[in-house]
Amino acid sequence: MKHPNKSKSPDAAGLTQNEKTNKTQLDSMLENLSMVDDWALITLVFSVQFSLKKVLFYCEWQPYLSTQKQLAKLAGSQAYFDAWHRFVSRLTSQQGWTILMLCGGAK
């Protein structure tokens, strides 16, 4: 028996032709998407800035990247969570996306 819709048959990677086309369009759109957020004050000393460039999220710290122990404390703070939430909210509203984010470690 023939498959009713050949264009929707999965290939070796398990993607249908429609899924491949959608993935290619999404990859192309994300490749050209870039966004930089304002600096957010996390403590009296440290600030953070989030950005998205060519499908990668970046997080930059000022005045320097602290020790791992201190960074864990900073990244678990409410100020850091609020800054990250503002960045993701701005990104999703500009792009018309709906994203579910689960952030672990926040206290």
C-alpha atoms as a PDB file:
ATOM      1  CA  MET A   1       0.000   0.000   0.000  1.00  0.00           C
ATOM      2  CA  LYS A   2       1.324   3.442  -0.905  1.00  0.00           C
ATOM      3  CA  HIS A   3       1.656   6.172   1.676  1.00  0.00           C
ATOM      4  CA  PRO A   4      -1.197   8.676   1.098  1.00  0.00           C
ATOM      5  CA  ASN A   5       1.034  11.760   1.240  1.00  0.00           C
ATOM      6  CA  LYS A   6       4.644  11.226   0.192  1.00  0.00           C
ATOM      7  CA  SER A   7       5.676  14.774   1.238  1.00  0.00           C
ATOM      8  CA  LYS A   8       4.750  13.931   4.807  1.00  0.00           C
ATOM      9  CA  SER A   9       6.662  10.661   4.985  1.00  0.00           C
ATOM     10  CA  PRO A  10       9.501  10.844   7.507  1.00  0.00           C
ATOM     11  CA  ASP A  11      13.058  10.715   6.179  1.00  0.00           C
ATOM     12  CA  ALA A  12      15.988   8.883   7.787  1.00  0.00           C
ATOM     13  CA  ALA A  13      16.291  11.653  10.405  1.00  0.00           C
ATOM     14  CA  GLY A  14      12.623  11.227  11.319  1.00  0.00           C
ATOM     15  CA  LEU A  15      11.499  14.608   9.930  1.00  0.00           C
ATOM     16  CA  THR A  16       8.759  15.047   7.356  1.00  0.00           C
ATOM     17  CA  GLN A  17       9.320  17.415   4.444  1.00  0.00           C
ATOM     18  CA  ASN A  18       7.003  19.954   6.102  1.00  0.00           C
ATOM     19  CA  GLU A  19       8.963  19.743   9.365  1.00  0.00           C
ATOM     20  CA  LYS A  20      12.257  20.189   7.482  1.00  0.00           C
ATOM     21  CA  THR A  21      10.890  23.274   5.711  1.00  0.00           C
ATOM     22  CA  ASN A  22       9.616  24.755   8.983  1.00  0.00           C
ATOM     23  CA  LYS A  23      12.933  23.994  10.721  1.00  0.00           C
ATOM     24  CA  THR A  24      14.894  25.630   7.896  1.00  0.00           C
ATOM     25  CA  GLN A  25      12.689  28.729   8.040  1.00  0.00           C
ATOM     26  CA  LEU A  26      13.019  28.922  11.831  1.00  0.00           C
ATOM     27  CA  ASP A  27      16.799  28.425  11.691  1.00  0.00           C
ATOM     28  CA  SER A  28      17.075  31.178   9.096  1.00  0.00           C
ATOM     29  CA  MET A  29      14.945  33.548  11.178  1.00  0.00           C
ATOM     30  CA  LEU A  30      16.903  32.829  14.372  1.00  0.00           C
ATOM     31  CA  GLU A  31      20.242  33.181  12.584  1.00  0.00           C
ATOM     32  CA  ASN A  32      19.405  36.801  11.772  1.00  0.00           C
ATOM     33  CA  LEU A  33      17.845  37.611  15.147  1.00  0.00           C
ATOM     34  CA  SER A  34      19.895  39.614  17.594  1.00  0.00           C
ATOM     35  CA  MET A  35      18.901  41.519  20.683  1.00  0.00           C
ATOM     36  CA  VAL A  36      20.782  43.173  23.530  1.00  0.00           C
ATOM     37  CA  ASP A  37      19.162  44.121  26.811  1.00  0.00           C
ATOM     38  CA  ASP A  38      20.095  47.009  29.100  1.00  0.00           C
ATOM     39  CA  TRP A  39      22.469  46.445  32.003  1.00  0.00           C
ATOM     40  CA  ALA A  40      20.639  45.344  35.149  1.00  0.00           C
ATOM     41  CA  LEU A  41      22.047  46.078  38.594  1.00  0.00           C
ATOM     42  CA  ILE A  42      22.130  42.838  40.598  1.00  0.00           C
ATOM     43  CA  THR A  43      24.046  44.116  43.643  1.00  0.00           C
ATOM     44  CA  LEU A  44      25.820  47.373  44.423  1.00  0.00           C
ATOM     45  CA  VAL A  45      28.880  45.908  42.673  1.00  0.00           C
ATOM     46  CA  PHE A  46      27.633  43.538  39.948  1.00  0.00           C
ATOM     47  CA  SER A  47      25.538  44.175  36.847  1.00  0.00           C
ATOM     48  CA  VAL A  48      24.394  41.740  34.194  1.00  0.00           C
ATOM     49  CA  GLN A  49      23.457  42.104  30.534  1.00  0.00           C
ATOM     50  CA  PHE A  50      21.664  39.473  28.460  1.00  0.00           C
ATOM     51  CA  SER A  51      21.871  39.229  24.696  1.00  0.00           C
ATOM     52  CA  LEU A  52      20.885  36.928  21.863  1.00  0.00           C
ATOM     53  CA  LYS A  53      23.147  36.687  18.837  1.00  0.00           C
ATOM     54  CA  LYS A  54      22.908  34.072  16.094  1.00  0.00           C
ATOM     55  CA  VAL A  55      20.777  31.628  18.095  1.00  0.00           C
ATOM     56  CA  LEU A  56      22.957  31.805  21.240  1.00  0.00           C
ATOM     57  CA  PHE A  57      22.084  33.428  24.545  1.00  0.00           C
ATOM     58  CA  TYR A  58      24.844  35.390  26.261  1.00  0.00           C
ATOM     59  CA  CYS A  59      25.143  36.695  29.798  1.00  0.00           C
ATOM     60  CA  GLU A  60      27.819  39.312  30.481  1.00  0.00           C
ATOM     61  CA  TRP A  61      28.827  40.502  33.933  1.00  0.00           C
ATOM     62  CA  GLN A  62      30.378  43.781  35.049  1.00  0.00           C
ATOM     63  CA  PRO A  63      32.828  44.663  36.456  1.00  0.00           C
ATOM     64  CA  TYR A  64      34.086  41.041  36.094  1.00  0.00           C
ATOM     65  CA  LEU A  65      32.928  37.449  36.174  1.00  0.00           C
ATOM     66  CA  SER A  66      32.960  36.497  39.829  1.00  0.00           C
ATOM     67  CA  THR A  67      34.008  33.219  41.428  1.00  0.00           C
ATOM     68  CA  GLN A  68      31.814  30.187  40.880  1.00  0.00           C
ATOM     69  CA  LYS A  69      30.455  30.335  44.431  1.00  0.00           C
ATOM     70  CA  GLN A  70      29.653  34.039  44.186  1.00  0.00           C
ATOM     71  CA  LEU A  71      28.188  33.608  40.695  1.00  0.00           C
ATOM     72  CA  ALA A  72      25.845  30.895  41.972  1.00  0.00           C
ATOM     73  CA  LYS A  73      24.618  33.272  44.663  1.00  0.00           C
ATOM     74  CA  LEU A  74      24.160  36.148  42.168  1.00  0.00           C
ATOM     75  CA  ALA A  75      22.358  33.949  39.631  1.00  0.00           C
ATOM     76  CA  GLY A  76      20.044  32.693  42.373  1.00  0.00           C
ATOM     77  CA  SER A  77      18.998  36.182  43.396  1.00  0.00           C
ATOM     78  CA  GLN A  78      15.625  37.740  42.706  1.00  0.00           C
ATOM     79  CA  ALA A  79      17.291  40.677  40.893  1.00  0.00           C
ATOM     80  CA  TYR A  80      18.955  38.277  38.422  1.00  0.00           C
ATOM     81  CA  PHE A  81      15.699  36.381  37.875  1.00  0.00           C
ATOM     82  CA  ASP A  82      13.836  39.666  37.273  1.00  0.00           C
ATOM     83  CA  ALA A  83      16.441  40.833  34.743  1.00  0.00           C
ATOM     84  CA  TRP A  84      16.307  37.489  32.900  1.00  0.00           C
ATOM     85  CA  HIS A  85      12.512  37.540  32.924  1.00  0.00           C
ATOM     86  CA  ARG A  86      12.459  41.096  31.464  1.00  0.00           C
ATOM     87  CA  PHE A  87      14.829  40.027  28.677  1.00  0.00           C
ATOM     88  CA  VAL A  88      12.858  36.909  27.748  1.00  0.00           C
ATOM     89  CA  SER A  89       9.530  38.781  27.985  1.00  0.00           C
ATOM     90  CA  ARG A  90      10.817  41.509  25.672  1.00  0.00           C
ATOM     91  CA  LEU A  91      12.145  38.927  23.213  1.00  0.00           C
ATOM     92  CA  THR A  92       8.911  36.934  23.128  1.00  0.00           C
ATOM     93  CA  SER A  93       6.704  40.005  22.789  1.00  0.00           C
ATOM     94  CA  GLN A  94       8.792  41.373  19.900  1.00  0.00           C
ATOM     95  CA  GLN A  95       8.760  38.043  18.078  1.00  0.00           C
ATOM     96  CA  GLY A  96       5.195  37.029  18.937  1.00  0.00           C
ATOM     97  CA  TRP A  97       6.395  33.810  20.554  1.00  0.00           C
ATOM     98  CA  THR A  98       5.116  31.873  23.528  1.00  0.00           C
ATOM     99  CA  ILE A  99       7.872  30.321  25.607  1.00  0.00           C
ATOM    100  CA  LEU A 100       7.701  28.235  28.751  1.00  0.00           C
ATOM    101  CA  MET A 101      10.872  28.586  30.800  1.00  0.00           C
ATOM    102  CA  LEU A 102      11.689  26.549  33.846  1.00  0.00           C
ATOM    103  CA  CYS A 103      14.434  28.145  35.889  1.00  0.00           C
ATOM    104  CA  GLY A 104      16.009  26.028  38.580  1.00  0.00           C
ATOM    105  CA  GLY A 105      18.104  27.207  41.466  1.00  0.00           C
ATOM    106  CA  ALA A 106      16.368  30.514  42.165  1.00  0.00           C
ATOM    107  CA  LYS A 107      15.742  31.014  45.865  1.00  0.00           C
END
